[in-house]
Amino acid sequence: MRSTTALSALSLLTYAVLSLPAALAGPATGSARAGAWTLDPVRSHVGFTVAKLGFSDVDGEFHDFSGDVRYDPARPQNSSIRWRVRVASVKTGAPNRDSSLQAPEYLDAARYPDLAFESRRVTALDDTRLEVAGNITIRGRTRPLTIIATPVAGGGGFETRFEIDRYDFGVAGGRVMGRLIGRTVRVHLIARSLGETT
């Protein structure tokens, strides 16, 4: 149970997280506002999924996160994004599992309260997709991460899906339970704009 919790919380994600770069997608779609803006914490989403015992999945979300985006649809290479997620805000539908994910053998929220992502390079792949390369930090370990951002169905934002290996960040879990949870964490991020900041 504690093992499942840890894996679920790990996501990137992260970024990670990781859902961080999604706000930059689609230079020609009109789905993102040009300029500098902040993420809407209500309409945006930081979620993850991890396999448990090899035959079932555990889903989770982080509810406390913030980020800022500089988006230039005419020159995507001038765009950037920063995203920070509070580990203590993890929710998986099981309070005991949520507590386990914050424990030292997993995300260690006391020593590493945040997950973070910061872009280094944004490249337009076509009219609707951006490649966002940056660094993701989980449990004090920073690793490179490159994702593809695409428009959210119906418009009004962007999303990304990617995978990370929890072992890359030292999220091993307990000696027994840690081995019963998949090492791959699937991350789903949705970014929508709260409003312009400049």
N, C-alpha and C. Protein backbone atom coordinates (compact mmCIF):
# COMPACT_ATOMS: atom_id res chain seq x y z
N MET A 1 0.84 -1.20 0.00
CA MET A 1 0.00 0.00 0.00
C MET A 1 0.86 1.24 0.00
N ARG A 2 1.90 1.29 0.89
CA ARG A 2 2.79 2.45 0.93
C ARG A 2 3.55 2.55 -0.39
N SER A 3 3.89 1.39 -0.96
CA SER A 3 4.61 1.36 -2.21
C SER A 3 3.79 1.95 -3.34
N THR A 4 2.52 1.60 -3.38
CA THR A 4 1.65 2.10 -4.42
C THR A 4 1.54 3.60 -4.32
N THR A 5 1.43 4.08 -3.11
CA THR A 5 1.29 5.50 -2.89
C THR A 5 2.48 6.24 -3.41
N ALA A 6 3.67 5.73 -3.14
CA ALA A 6 4.88 6.41 -3.54
C ALA A 6 4.98 6.52 -5.03
N LEU A 7 4.66 5.44 -5.71
CA LEU A 7 4.79 5.47 -7.16
C LEU A 7 3.79 6.44 -7.74
N SER A 8 2.58 6.43 -7.22
CA SER A 8 1.56 7.30 -7.74
C SER A 8 1.99 8.74 -7.62
N ALA A 9 2.46 9.12 -6.44
CA ALA A 9 2.83 10.49 -6.22
C ALA A 9 3.92 10.93 -7.11
N LEU A 10 4.82 10.06 -7.43
CA LEU A 10 5.98 10.41 -8.24
C LEU A 10 5.58 11.05 -9.52
N SER A 11 5.04 11.08 -10.02
CA SER A 11 4.99 11.88 -11.20
C SER A 11 5.38 13.07 -11.18
N LEU A 12 7.11 14.41 -12.58
CA LEU A 12 7.33 14.51 -12.73
C LEU A 12 7.02 15.64 -12.67
N LEU A 13 4.59 14.46 -12.16
CA LEU A 13 4.99 14.72 -12.49
C LEU A 13 5.31 15.32 -12.67
N THR A 14 5.70 15.77 -11.89
CA THR A 14 6.66 15.69 -12.25
C THR A 14 6.15 16.23 -12.74
N TYR A 15 6.59 16.64 -13.91
CA TYR A 15 6.97 18.00 -14.07
C TYR A 15 6.88 18.65 -14.06
N ALA A 16 5.98 16.26 -13.18
CA ALA A 16 6.43 16.69 -13.34
C ALA A 16 6.64 18.19 -13.64
N VAL A 17 5.10 18.27 -12.85
CA VAL A 17 5.79 18.62 -13.57
C VAL A 17 5.34 18.89 -14.44
N LEU A 18 5.86 18.04 -14.77
CA LEU A 18 6.22 17.90 -15.63
C LEU A 18 5.10 18.56 -16.23
N SER A 19 3.57 18.27 -16.42
CA SER A 19 2.53 18.87 -17.20
C SER A 19 2.82 20.28 -17.47
N LEU A 20 3.93 20.66 -17.18
CA LEU A 20 4.31 22.03 -17.22
C LEU A 20 4.39 22.59 -18.62
N PRO A 21 5.14 21.96 -19.53
CA PRO A 21 5.33 22.54 -20.83
C PRO A 21 4.08 22.59 -21.68
N ALA A 22 3.02 21.96 -21.27
CA ALA A 22 1.84 21.91 -22.12
C ALA A 22 1.34 23.29 -22.49
N ALA A 23 1.58 24.27 -21.68
CA ALA A 23 1.05 25.59 -21.93
C ALA A 23 1.64 26.28 -23.15
N LEU A 24 2.66 25.71 -23.72
CA LEU A 24 3.34 26.40 -24.80
C LEU A 24 2.97 25.92 -26.19
N ALA A 25 2.03 24.99 -26.33
CA ALA A 25 1.83 24.36 -27.63
C ALA A 25 1.11 25.22 -28.64
N GLY A 26 1.24 24.81 -29.91
CA GLY A 26 0.39 25.27 -30.97
C GLY A 26 0.49 26.70 -31.39
N PRO A 27 1.56 27.13 -32.08
CA PRO A 27 1.69 28.51 -32.47
C PRO A 27 0.59 29.00 -33.39
N ALA A 28 -0.07 28.11 -34.15
CA ALA A 28 -1.07 28.57 -35.11
C ALA A 28 -2.49 28.22 -34.70
N THR A 29 -2.68 27.68 -33.52
CA THR A 29 -4.01 27.22 -33.13
C THR A 29 -4.85 28.28 -32.46
N GLY A 30 -4.21 29.31 -31.91
CA GLY A 30 -4.96 30.32 -31.18
C GLY A 30 -5.41 29.84 -29.82
N SER A 31 -4.92 28.68 -29.36
CA SER A 31 -5.36 28.13 -28.10
C SER A 31 -4.65 28.72 -26.89
N ALA A 32 -3.53 29.39 -27.11
CA ALA A 32 -2.79 29.98 -26.01
C ALA A 32 -2.61 31.47 -26.26
N ARG A 33 -2.62 32.21 -25.19
CA ARG A 33 -2.52 33.66 -25.27
C ARG A 33 -1.07 34.08 -25.38
N ALA A 34 -0.77 34.92 -26.35
CA ALA A 34 0.59 35.43 -26.50
C ALA A 34 0.91 36.37 -25.34
N GLY A 35 2.19 36.45 -25.00
CA GLY A 35 2.61 37.33 -23.93
C GLY A 35 3.01 36.53 -22.70
N ALA A 36 2.95 37.18 -21.53
CA ALA A 36 3.30 36.52 -20.27
C ALA A 36 2.04 36.30 -19.47
N TRP A 37 1.83 35.09 -18.98
CA TRP A 37 0.63 34.78 -18.22
C TRP A 37 0.89 33.70 -17.19
N THR A 38 -0.03 33.57 -16.26
CA THR A 38 0.08 32.57 -15.20
C THR A 38 -0.89 31.43 -15.46
N LEU A 39 -0.59 30.26 -14.89
CA LEU A 39 -1.45 29.10 -15.04
C LEU A 39 -2.68 29.21 -14.14
N ASP A 40 -3.79 28.78 -14.66
CA ASP A 40 -5.03 28.73 -13.87
C ASP A 40 -5.02 27.44 -13.06
N PRO A 41 -4.91 27.51 -11.73
CA PRO A 41 -4.82 26.30 -10.90
C PRO A 41 -6.12 25.50 -10.85
N VAL A 42 -7.23 26.12 -11.22
CA VAL A 42 -8.52 25.43 -11.18
C VAL A 42 -8.74 24.64 -12.47
N ARG A 43 -8.44 25.23 -13.60
CA ARG A 43 -8.70 24.58 -14.89
C ARG A 43 -7.51 23.81 -15.44
N SER A 44 -6.34 23.97 -14.83
CA SER A 44 -5.18 23.19 -15.24
C SER A 44 -5.15 21.89 -14.44
N HIS A 45 -4.26 20.97 -14.81
CA HIS A 45 -4.29 19.63 -14.23
C HIS A 45 -2.89 19.03 -14.20
N VAL A 46 -2.52 18.43 -13.06
CA VAL A 46 -1.26 17.71 -12.92
C VAL A 46 -1.61 16.31 -12.41
N GLY A 47 -1.61 15.33 -13.30
CA GLY A 47 -2.01 13.98 -12.90
C GLY A 47 -0.97 12.94 -13.28
N PHE A 48 -1.09 11.75 -12.68
CA PHE A 48 -0.16 10.67 -12.96
C PHE A 48 -0.84 9.33 -12.75
N THR A 49 -0.26 8.30 -13.38
CA THR A 49 -0.75 6.94 -13.25
C THR A 49 0.44 6.00 -13.12
N VAL A 50 0.32 5.02 -12.22
CA VAL A 50 1.39 4.04 -12.04
C VAL A 50 0.77 2.65 -11.88
N ALA A 51 1.43 1.65 -12.42
CA ALA A 51 0.93 0.28 -12.32
C ALA A 51 1.18 -0.27 -10.92
N LYS A 52 0.20 -1.02 -10.41
CA LYS A 52 0.29 -1.63 -9.08
C LYS A 52 0.18 -3.14 -9.23
N LEU A 53 1.21 -3.84 -8.73
CA LEU A 53 1.23 -5.30 -8.77
C LEU A 53 1.14 -5.85 -10.19
N GLY A 54 1.41 -5.01 -11.17
CA GLY A 54 1.46 -5.46 -12.54
C GLY A 54 0.13 -5.63 -13.25
N PHE A 55 -0.99 -5.45 -12.56
CA PHE A 55 -2.27 -5.69 -13.22
C PHE A 55 -3.33 -4.62 -12.97
N SER A 56 -3.05 -3.63 -12.16
CA SER A 56 -4.01 -2.56 -11.94
C SER A 56 -3.26 -1.23 -11.88
N ASP A 57 -3.99 -0.14 -12.08
CA ASP A 57 -3.39 1.19 -12.07
C ASP A 57 -3.85 1.99 -10.87
N VAL A 58 -2.99 2.88 -10.42
CA VAL A 58 -3.34 3.85 -9.39
C VAL A 58 -3.19 5.23 -10.01
N ASP A 59 -4.24 6.03 -9.92
CA ASP A 59 -4.22 7.40 -10.45
C ASP A 59 -4.09 8.39 -9.31
N GLY A 60 -3.43 9.50 -9.59
CA GLY A 60 -3.30 10.55 -8.59
C GLY A 60 -3.20 11.92 -9.22
N GLU A 61 -3.35 12.95 -8.39
CA GLU A 61 -3.25 14.33 -8.84
C GLU A 61 -2.52 15.15 -7.79
N PHE A 62 -1.94 16.27 -8.24
CA PHE A 62 -1.41 17.27 -7.32
C PHE A 62 -2.31 18.49 -7.44
N HIS A 63 -2.76 19.00 -6.30
CA HIS A 63 -3.75 20.08 -6.30
C HIS A 63 -3.17 21.46 -6.08
N ASP A 64 -1.93 21.54 -5.63
CA ASP A 64 -1.30 22.84 -5.34
C ASP A 64 -0.10 23.01 -6.26
N PHE A 65 -0.21 23.90 -7.24
CA PHE A 65 0.89 24.15 -8.16
C PHE A 65 0.77 25.56 -8.70
N SER A 66 1.87 26.05 -9.25
CA SER A 66 1.89 27.39 -9.83
C SER A 66 2.87 27.39 -10.99
N GLY A 67 2.74 28.39 -11.85
CA GLY A 67 3.65 28.47 -12.98
C GLY A 67 3.46 29.75 -13.75
N ASP A 68 4.47 30.11 -14.50
CA ASP A 68 4.36 31.27 -15.37
C ASP A 68 4.90 30.91 -16.74
N VAL A 69 4.28 31.51 -17.75
CA VAL A 69 4.58 31.20 -19.14
C VAL A 69 4.84 32.48 -19.92
N ARG A 70 5.85 32.43 -20.76
CA ARG A 70 6.06 33.48 -21.76
C ARG A 70 5.90 32.80 -23.11
N TYR A 71 4.88 33.20 -23.83
CA TYR A 71 4.52 32.51 -25.07
C TYR A 71 4.53 33.48 -26.25
N ASP A 72 5.31 33.16 -27.27
CA ASP A 72 5.40 33.97 -28.47
C ASP A 72 5.06 33.08 -29.67
N PRO A 73 3.80 33.09 -30.14
CA PRO A 73 3.39 32.20 -31.24
C PRO A 73 4.13 32.48 -32.54
N ALA A 74 4.58 33.71 -32.74
CA ALA A 74 5.31 34.06 -33.96
C ALA A 74 6.74 33.54 -33.91
N ARG A 75 7.31 33.49 -32.71
CA ARG A 75 8.67 33.00 -32.52
C ARG A 75 8.70 32.07 -31.31
N PRO A 76 8.24 30.83 -31.50
CA PRO A 76 8.16 29.89 -30.37
C PRO A 76 9.47 29.71 -29.62
N GLN A 77 10.60 29.91 -30.32
CA GLN A 77 11.89 29.74 -29.66
C GLN A 77 12.12 30.77 -28.55
N ASN A 78 11.32 31.83 -28.54
CA ASN A 78 11.43 32.84 -27.48
C ASN A 78 10.51 32.54 -26.30
N SER A 79 9.77 31.44 -26.38
CA SER A 79 8.83 31.06 -25.31
C SER A 79 9.57 30.36 -24.17
N SER A 80 8.93 30.34 -23.02
CA SER A 80 9.52 29.65 -21.86
C SER A 80 8.42 29.31 -20.86
N ILE A 81 8.72 28.38 -19.97
CA ILE A 81 7.76 28.01 -18.93
C ILE A 81 8.48 27.55 -17.68
N ARG A 82 7.91 27.90 -16.54
CA ARG A 82 8.36 27.41 -15.24
C ARG A 82 7.15 26.90 -14.49
N TRP A 83 7.31 25.76 -13.80
CA TRP A 83 6.19 25.15 -13.11
C TRP A 83 6.70 24.57 -11.78
N ARG A 84 5.93 24.77 -10.71
CA ARG A 84 6.31 24.23 -9.41
C ARG A 84 5.10 23.54 -8.79
N VAL A 85 5.30 22.34 -8.25
CA VAL A 85 4.22 21.54 -7.68
C VAL A 85 4.55 21.20 -6.23
N ARG A 86 3.59 21.37 -5.34
CA ARG A 86 3.79 21.05 -3.92
C ARG A 86 3.49 19.57 -3.68
N VAL A 87 4.49 18.84 -3.20
CA VAL A 87 4.35 17.41 -2.97
C VAL A 87 3.22 17.11 -1.98
N ALA A 88 3.07 17.94 -0.97
CA ALA A 88 2.06 17.70 0.08
C ALA A 88 0.64 17.76 -0.45
N SER A 89 0.45 18.22 -1.70
CA SER A 89 -0.91 18.35 -2.23
C SER A 89 -1.35 17.11 -3.00
N VAL A 90 -0.57 16.02 -2.94
CA VAL A 90 -0.91 14.81 -3.70
C VAL A 90 -2.19 14.17 -3.17
N LYS A 91 -3.04 13.72 -4.08
CA LYS A 91 -4.29 13.04 -3.73
C LYS A 91 -4.46 11.82 -4.64
N THR A 92 -4.64 10.65 -4.02
CA THR A 92 -4.84 9.42 -4.80
C THR A 92 -6.14 8.71 -4.43
N GLY A 93 -6.93 9.33 -3.57
CA GLY A 93 -8.17 8.69 -3.14
C GLY A 93 -7.99 7.82 -1.91
N ALA A 94 -6.78 7.77 -1.36
CA ALA A 94 -6.50 6.97 -0.16
C ALA A 94 -5.56 7.77 0.73
N PRO A 95 -6.05 8.35 1.84
CA PRO A 95 -5.21 9.19 2.72
C PRO A 95 -3.93 8.51 3.19
N ASN A 96 -3.98 7.22 3.51
CA ASN A 96 -2.77 6.53 3.96
C ASN A 96 -1.73 6.48 2.85
N ARG A 97 -2.18 6.25 1.64
CA ARG A 97 -1.26 6.21 0.50
C ARG A 97 -0.68 7.60 0.24
N ASP A 98 -1.51 8.63 0.38
CA ASP A 98 -1.02 9.99 0.18
C ASP A 98 0.09 10.30 1.18
N SER A 99 -0.08 9.88 2.42
CA SER A 99 0.94 10.10 3.45
C SER A 99 2.21 9.33 3.13
N SER A 100 2.06 8.11 2.64
CA SER A 100 3.22 7.30 2.29
C SER A 100 4.03 7.94 1.17
N LEU A 101 3.34 8.52 0.20
CA LEU A 101 4.04 9.15 -0.92
C LEU A 101 4.89 10.33 -0.47
N GLN A 102 4.52 10.93 0.64
CA GLN A 102 5.27 12.07 1.15
C GLN A 102 6.40 11.66 2.10
N ALA A 103 6.49 10.36 2.40
CA ALA A 103 7.48 9.84 3.35
C ALA A 103 8.88 9.81 2.73
N PRO A 104 9.92 9.67 3.57
CA PRO A 104 11.31 9.68 3.09
C PRO A 104 11.62 8.64 2.03
N GLU A 105 10.98 7.46 2.08
CA GLU A 105 11.31 6.42 1.10
C GLU A 105 10.71 6.70 -0.27
N TYR A 106 9.85 7.71 -0.36
CA TYR A 106 9.27 8.07 -1.64
C TYR A 106 9.66 9.51 -2.04
N LEU A 107 8.75 10.45 -1.95
CA LEU A 107 9.06 11.81 -2.40
C LEU A 107 9.71 12.68 -1.33
N ASP A 108 9.66 12.25 -0.08
CA ASP A 108 10.33 12.95 1.03
C ASP A 108 9.97 14.43 1.05
N ALA A 109 8.67 14.70 1.26
CA ALA A 109 8.16 16.06 1.22
C ALA A 109 8.79 16.99 2.25
N ALA A 110 9.24 16.45 3.38
CA ALA A 110 9.84 17.29 4.41
C ALA A 110 11.15 17.92 3.93
N ARG A 111 11.95 17.14 3.20
CA ARG A 111 13.24 17.64 2.70
C ARG A 111 13.12 18.27 1.32
N TYR A 112 12.18 17.75 0.51
CA TYR A 112 12.03 18.23 -0.86
C TYR A 112 10.55 18.55 -1.10
N PRO A 113 10.08 19.68 -0.64
CA PRO A 113 8.64 19.99 -0.69
C PRO A 113 8.08 20.24 -2.08
N ASP A 114 8.95 20.49 -3.08
CA ASP A 114 8.45 20.84 -4.41
C ASP A 114 9.01 19.93 -5.50
N LEU A 115 8.20 19.76 -6.55
CA LEU A 115 8.66 19.22 -7.82
C LEU A 115 8.71 20.41 -8.77
N ALA A 116 9.68 20.45 -9.68
CA ALA A 116 9.80 21.65 -10.51
C ALA A 116 10.22 21.30 -11.93
N PHE A 117 9.80 22.15 -12.86
CA PHE A 117 10.22 22.05 -14.25
C PHE A 117 10.54 23.45 -14.76
N GLU A 118 11.61 23.56 -15.54
CA GLU A 118 11.95 24.83 -16.18
C GLU A 118 12.45 24.53 -17.59
N SER A 119 11.84 25.18 -18.57
CA SER A 119 12.22 24.93 -19.96
C SER A 119 13.58 25.57 -20.27
N ARG A 120 14.27 24.96 -21.24
CA ARG A 120 15.53 25.50 -21.76
C ARG A 120 15.41 25.88 -23.22
N ARG A 121 14.53 25.14 -23.95
CA ARG A 121 14.39 25.37 -25.38
C ARG A 121 12.99 24.97 -25.83
N VAL A 122 12.39 25.79 -26.69
CA VAL A 122 11.07 25.49 -27.26
C VAL A 122 11.20 25.54 -28.79
N THR A 123 10.75 24.49 -29.46
CA THR A 123 10.88 24.38 -30.91
C THR A 123 9.53 23.99 -31.51
N ALA A 124 9.10 24.70 -32.54
CA ALA A 124 7.86 24.36 -33.23
C ALA A 124 8.10 23.18 -34.16
N LEU A 125 7.32 22.10 -33.98
CA LEU A 125 7.42 20.94 -34.86
C LEU A 125 6.54 21.09 -36.09
N ASP A 126 5.35 21.71 -35.88
CA ASP A 126 4.44 22.03 -36.97
C ASP A 126 3.47 23.07 -36.44
N ASP A 127 2.32 23.25 -37.11
CA ASP A 127 1.39 24.30 -36.70
C ASP A 127 0.68 24.03 -35.38
N THR A 128 0.70 22.80 -34.90
CA THR A 128 -0.04 22.49 -33.68
C THR A 128 0.79 21.86 -32.58
N ARG A 129 2.06 21.58 -32.83
CA ARG A 129 2.86 20.90 -31.81
C ARG A 129 4.16 21.64 -31.53
N LEU A 130 4.51 21.67 -30.25
CA LEU A 130 5.79 22.22 -29.83
C LEU A 130 6.60 21.16 -29.11
N GLU A 131 7.88 21.17 -29.34
CA GLU A 131 8.79 20.34 -28.56
C GLU A 131 9.41 21.23 -27.49
N VAL A 132 9.24 20.82 -26.23
CA VAL A 132 9.74 21.62 -25.11
C VAL A 132 10.80 20.81 -24.38
N ALA A 133 12.02 21.32 -24.37
CA ALA A 133 13.12 20.67 -23.67
C ALA A 133 13.47 21.48 -22.43
N GLY A 134 13.67 20.79 -21.32
CA GLY A 134 13.98 21.50 -20.09
C GLY A 134 14.54 20.56 -19.05
N ASN A 135 14.48 20.99 -17.80
CA ASN A 135 14.96 20.19 -16.67
C ASN A 135 13.84 19.99 -15.67
N ILE A 136 13.69 18.76 -15.21
CA ILE A 136 12.70 18.45 -14.18
C ILE A 136 13.44 18.03 -12.91
N THR A 137 12.97 18.52 -11.77
CA THR A 137 13.61 18.22 -10.49
C THR A 137 12.60 17.53 -9.57
N ILE A 138 12.96 16.34 -9.12
CA ILE A 138 12.14 15.55 -8.20
C ILE A 138 13.04 15.02 -7.10
N ARG A 139 12.65 15.22 -5.86
CA ARG A 139 13.42 14.73 -4.73
C ARG A 139 14.88 15.23 -4.77
N GLY A 140 15.04 16.46 -5.21
CA GLY A 140 16.35 17.08 -5.23
C GLY A 140 17.24 16.67 -6.38
N ARG A 141 16.76 15.79 -7.27
CA ARG A 141 17.55 15.35 -8.42
C ARG A 141 17.00 15.98 -9.68
N THR A 142 17.89 16.55 -10.48
CA THR A 142 17.49 17.23 -11.71
C THR A 142 17.92 16.40 -12.92
N ARG A 143 16.98 16.19 -13.83
CA ARG A 143 17.24 15.41 -15.03
C ARG A 143 16.66 16.15 -16.24
N PRO A 144 17.25 15.97 -17.43
CA PRO A 144 16.67 16.59 -18.63
C PRO A 144 15.36 15.91 -19.02
N LEU A 145 14.44 16.67 -19.58
CA LEU A 145 13.15 16.14 -20.01
C LEU A 145 12.71 16.89 -21.26
N THR A 146 12.32 16.14 -22.29
CA THR A 146 11.80 16.74 -23.51
C THR A 146 10.42 16.15 -23.78
N ILE A 147 9.43 17.02 -24.00
CA ILE A 147 8.06 16.55 -24.21
C ILE A 147 7.47 17.23 -25.44
N ILE A 148 6.33 16.71 -25.89
CA ILE A 148 5.59 17.29 -27.01
C ILE A 148 4.28 17.86 -26.46
N ALA A 149 4.04 19.14 -26.71
CA ALA A 149 2.82 19.81 -26.25
C ALA A 149 1.85 19.97 -27.41
N THR A 150 0.56 19.68 -27.16
CA THR A 150 -0.48 19.78 -28.19
C THR A 150 -1.70 20.50 -27.63
N PRO A 151 -2.57 21.06 -28.47
CA PRO A 151 -3.75 21.78 -27.99
C PRO A 151 -4.72 20.86 -27.24
N VAL A 152 -5.37 21.39 -26.22
CA VAL A 152 -6.42 20.66 -25.52
C VAL A 152 -7.64 20.58 -26.44
N ALA A 153 -8.33 19.45 -26.44
CA ALA A 153 -9.54 19.31 -27.25
C ALA A 153 -10.53 20.40 -26.88
N GLY A 154 -11.05 21.08 -27.86
CA GLY A 154 -12.00 22.16 -27.60
C GLY A 154 -11.34 23.51 -27.44
N GLY A 155 -10.01 23.53 -27.41
CA GLY A 155 -9.29 24.79 -27.30
C GLY A 155 -9.16 25.30 -25.88
N GLY A 156 -8.51 26.42 -25.73
CA GLY A 156 -8.39 27.05 -24.42
C GLY A 156 -7.19 26.60 -23.62
N GLY A 157 -6.26 25.89 -24.21
CA GLY A 157 -5.09 25.46 -23.48
C GLY A 157 -4.34 24.37 -24.21
N PHE A 158 -3.37 23.77 -23.52
CA PHE A 158 -2.55 22.74 -24.11
C PHE A 158 -2.30 21.62 -23.12
N GLU A 159 -1.90 20.48 -23.67
CA GLU A 159 -1.62 19.35 -22.79
C GLU A 159 -0.44 18.55 -23.29
N THR A 160 0.08 17.69 -22.42
CA THR A 160 1.17 16.80 -22.78
C THR A 160 1.06 15.52 -21.97
N ARG A 161 1.52 14.45 -22.56
CA ARG A 161 1.60 13.16 -21.88
C ARG A 161 3.01 12.62 -22.07
N PHE A 162 3.62 12.14 -20.99
CA PHE A 162 4.97 11.59 -21.09
C PHE A 162 5.18 10.60 -19.95
N GLU A 163 6.32 9.93 -19.97
CA GLU A 163 6.64 8.95 -18.94
C GLU A 163 7.99 9.27 -18.31
N ILE A 164 8.12 8.95 -17.03
CA ILE A 164 9.40 9.08 -16.35
C ILE A 164 9.67 7.79 -15.57
N ASP A 165 10.93 7.55 -15.30
CA ASP A 165 11.36 6.40 -14.50
C ASP A 165 11.61 6.90 -13.08
N ARG A 166 10.83 6.45 -12.12
CA ARG A 166 10.95 6.96 -10.76
C ARG A 166 12.32 6.68 -10.16
N TYR A 167 12.97 5.61 -10.60
CA TYR A 167 14.30 5.29 -10.08
C TYR A 167 15.33 6.35 -10.45
N ASP A 168 15.10 7.07 -11.55
CA ASP A 168 16.02 8.14 -11.95
C ASP A 168 16.08 9.24 -10.90
N PHE A 169 15.06 9.30 -10.06
CA PHE A 169 14.98 10.37 -9.06
C PHE A 169 15.10 9.83 -7.63
N GLY A 170 15.51 8.59 -7.50
CA GLY A 170 15.70 8.02 -6.16
C GLY A 170 14.42 7.69 -5.43
N VAL A 171 13.31 7.56 -6.16
CA VAL A 171 12.03 7.21 -5.54
C VAL A 171 11.89 5.69 -5.63
N ALA A 172 12.52 5.02 -4.69
CA ALA A 172 12.57 3.55 -4.74
C ALA A 172 11.47 2.90 -3.93
N GLY A 173 11.02 3.53 -2.86
CA GLY A 173 10.01 2.92 -2.00
C GLY A 173 10.64 1.92 -1.06
N GLY A 174 9.82 1.21 -0.32
CA GLY A 174 10.31 0.20 0.62
C GLY A 174 10.93 -0.99 -0.09
N ARG A 175 11.69 -1.80 0.63
CA ARG A 175 12.38 -2.93 0.03
C ARG A 175 11.41 -3.96 -0.55
N VAL A 176 10.26 -4.10 0.07
CA VAL A 176 9.28 -5.08 -0.42
C VAL A 176 8.25 -4.41 -1.33
N MET A 177 7.51 -3.45 -0.80
CA MET A 177 6.44 -2.83 -1.56
C MET A 177 6.94 -2.04 -2.75
N GLY A 178 8.14 -1.46 -2.62
CA GLY A 178 8.68 -0.67 -3.72
C GLY A 178 8.85 -1.48 -4.99
N ARG A 179 9.00 -2.81 -4.85
CA ARG A 179 9.18 -3.66 -6.02
C ARG A 179 7.85 -4.12 -6.62
N LEU A 180 6.77 -3.84 -5.93
CA LEU A 180 5.46 -4.27 -6.42
C LEU A 180 4.76 -3.18 -7.22
N ILE A 181 5.42 -2.05 -7.36
CA ILE A 181 4.85 -0.94 -8.11
C ILE A 181 5.73 -0.69 -9.33
N GLY A 182 5.12 -0.40 -10.44
CA GLY A 182 5.88 -0.16 -11.66
C GLY A 182 6.84 1.00 -11.52
N ARG A 183 7.99 0.90 -12.17
CA ARG A 183 8.97 1.99 -12.08
C ARG A 183 8.64 3.11 -13.05
N THR A 184 7.78 2.85 -14.03
CA THR A 184 7.39 3.88 -15.01
C THR A 184 6.16 4.62 -14.52
N VAL A 185 6.25 5.95 -14.49
CA VAL A 185 5.12 6.79 -14.09
C VAL A 185 4.64 7.54 -15.31
N ARG A 186 3.35 7.41 -15.63
CA ARG A 186 2.76 8.09 -16.77
C ARG A 186 2.14 9.41 -16.30
N VAL A 187 2.55 10.49 -16.92
CA VAL A 187 2.15 11.83 -16.48
C VAL A 187 1.24 12.47 -17.52
N HIS A 188 0.19 13.14 -17.04
CA HIS A 188 -0.72 13.88 -17.92
C HIS A 188 -0.87 15.29 -17.37
N LEU A 189 -0.54 16.28 -18.21
CA LEU A 189 -0.61 17.67 -17.79
C LEU A 189 -1.51 18.47 -18.72
N ILE A 190 -2.30 19.35 -18.12
CA ILE A 190 -3.11 20.28 -18.89
C ILE A 190 -2.83 21.67 -18.36
N ALA A 191 -2.52 22.60 -19.24
CA ALA A 191 -2.24 23.99 -18.83
C ALA A 191 -3.23 24.93 -19.50
N ARG A 192 -3.87 25.75 -18.67
CA ARG A 192 -4.75 26.79 -19.18
C ARG A 192 -4.37 28.13 -18.53
N SER A 193 -4.59 29.18 -19.24
CA SER A 193 -4.16 30.50 -18.79
C SER A 193 -5.14 31.13 -17.80
N LEU A 194 -4.58 31.68 -16.72
CA LEU A 194 -5.39 32.44 -15.76
C LEU A 194 -5.58 33.85 -16.28
N GLY A 195 -4.55 34.38 -16.91
CA GLY A 195 -4.63 35.73 -17.44
C GLY A 195 -3.25 36.29 -17.67
N GLU A 196 -3.17 37.35 -18.41
CA GLU A 196 -1.88 37.96 -18.71
C GLU A 196 -1.31 38.63 -17.49
N THR A 197 0.02 38.54 -17.34
CA THR A 197 0.68 39.20 -16.23
C THR A 197 1.47 40.41 -16.71
N THR A 198 1.67 40.50 -18.03
CA THR A 198 2.34 41.68 -18.59
C THR A 198 1.66 42.08 -19.88
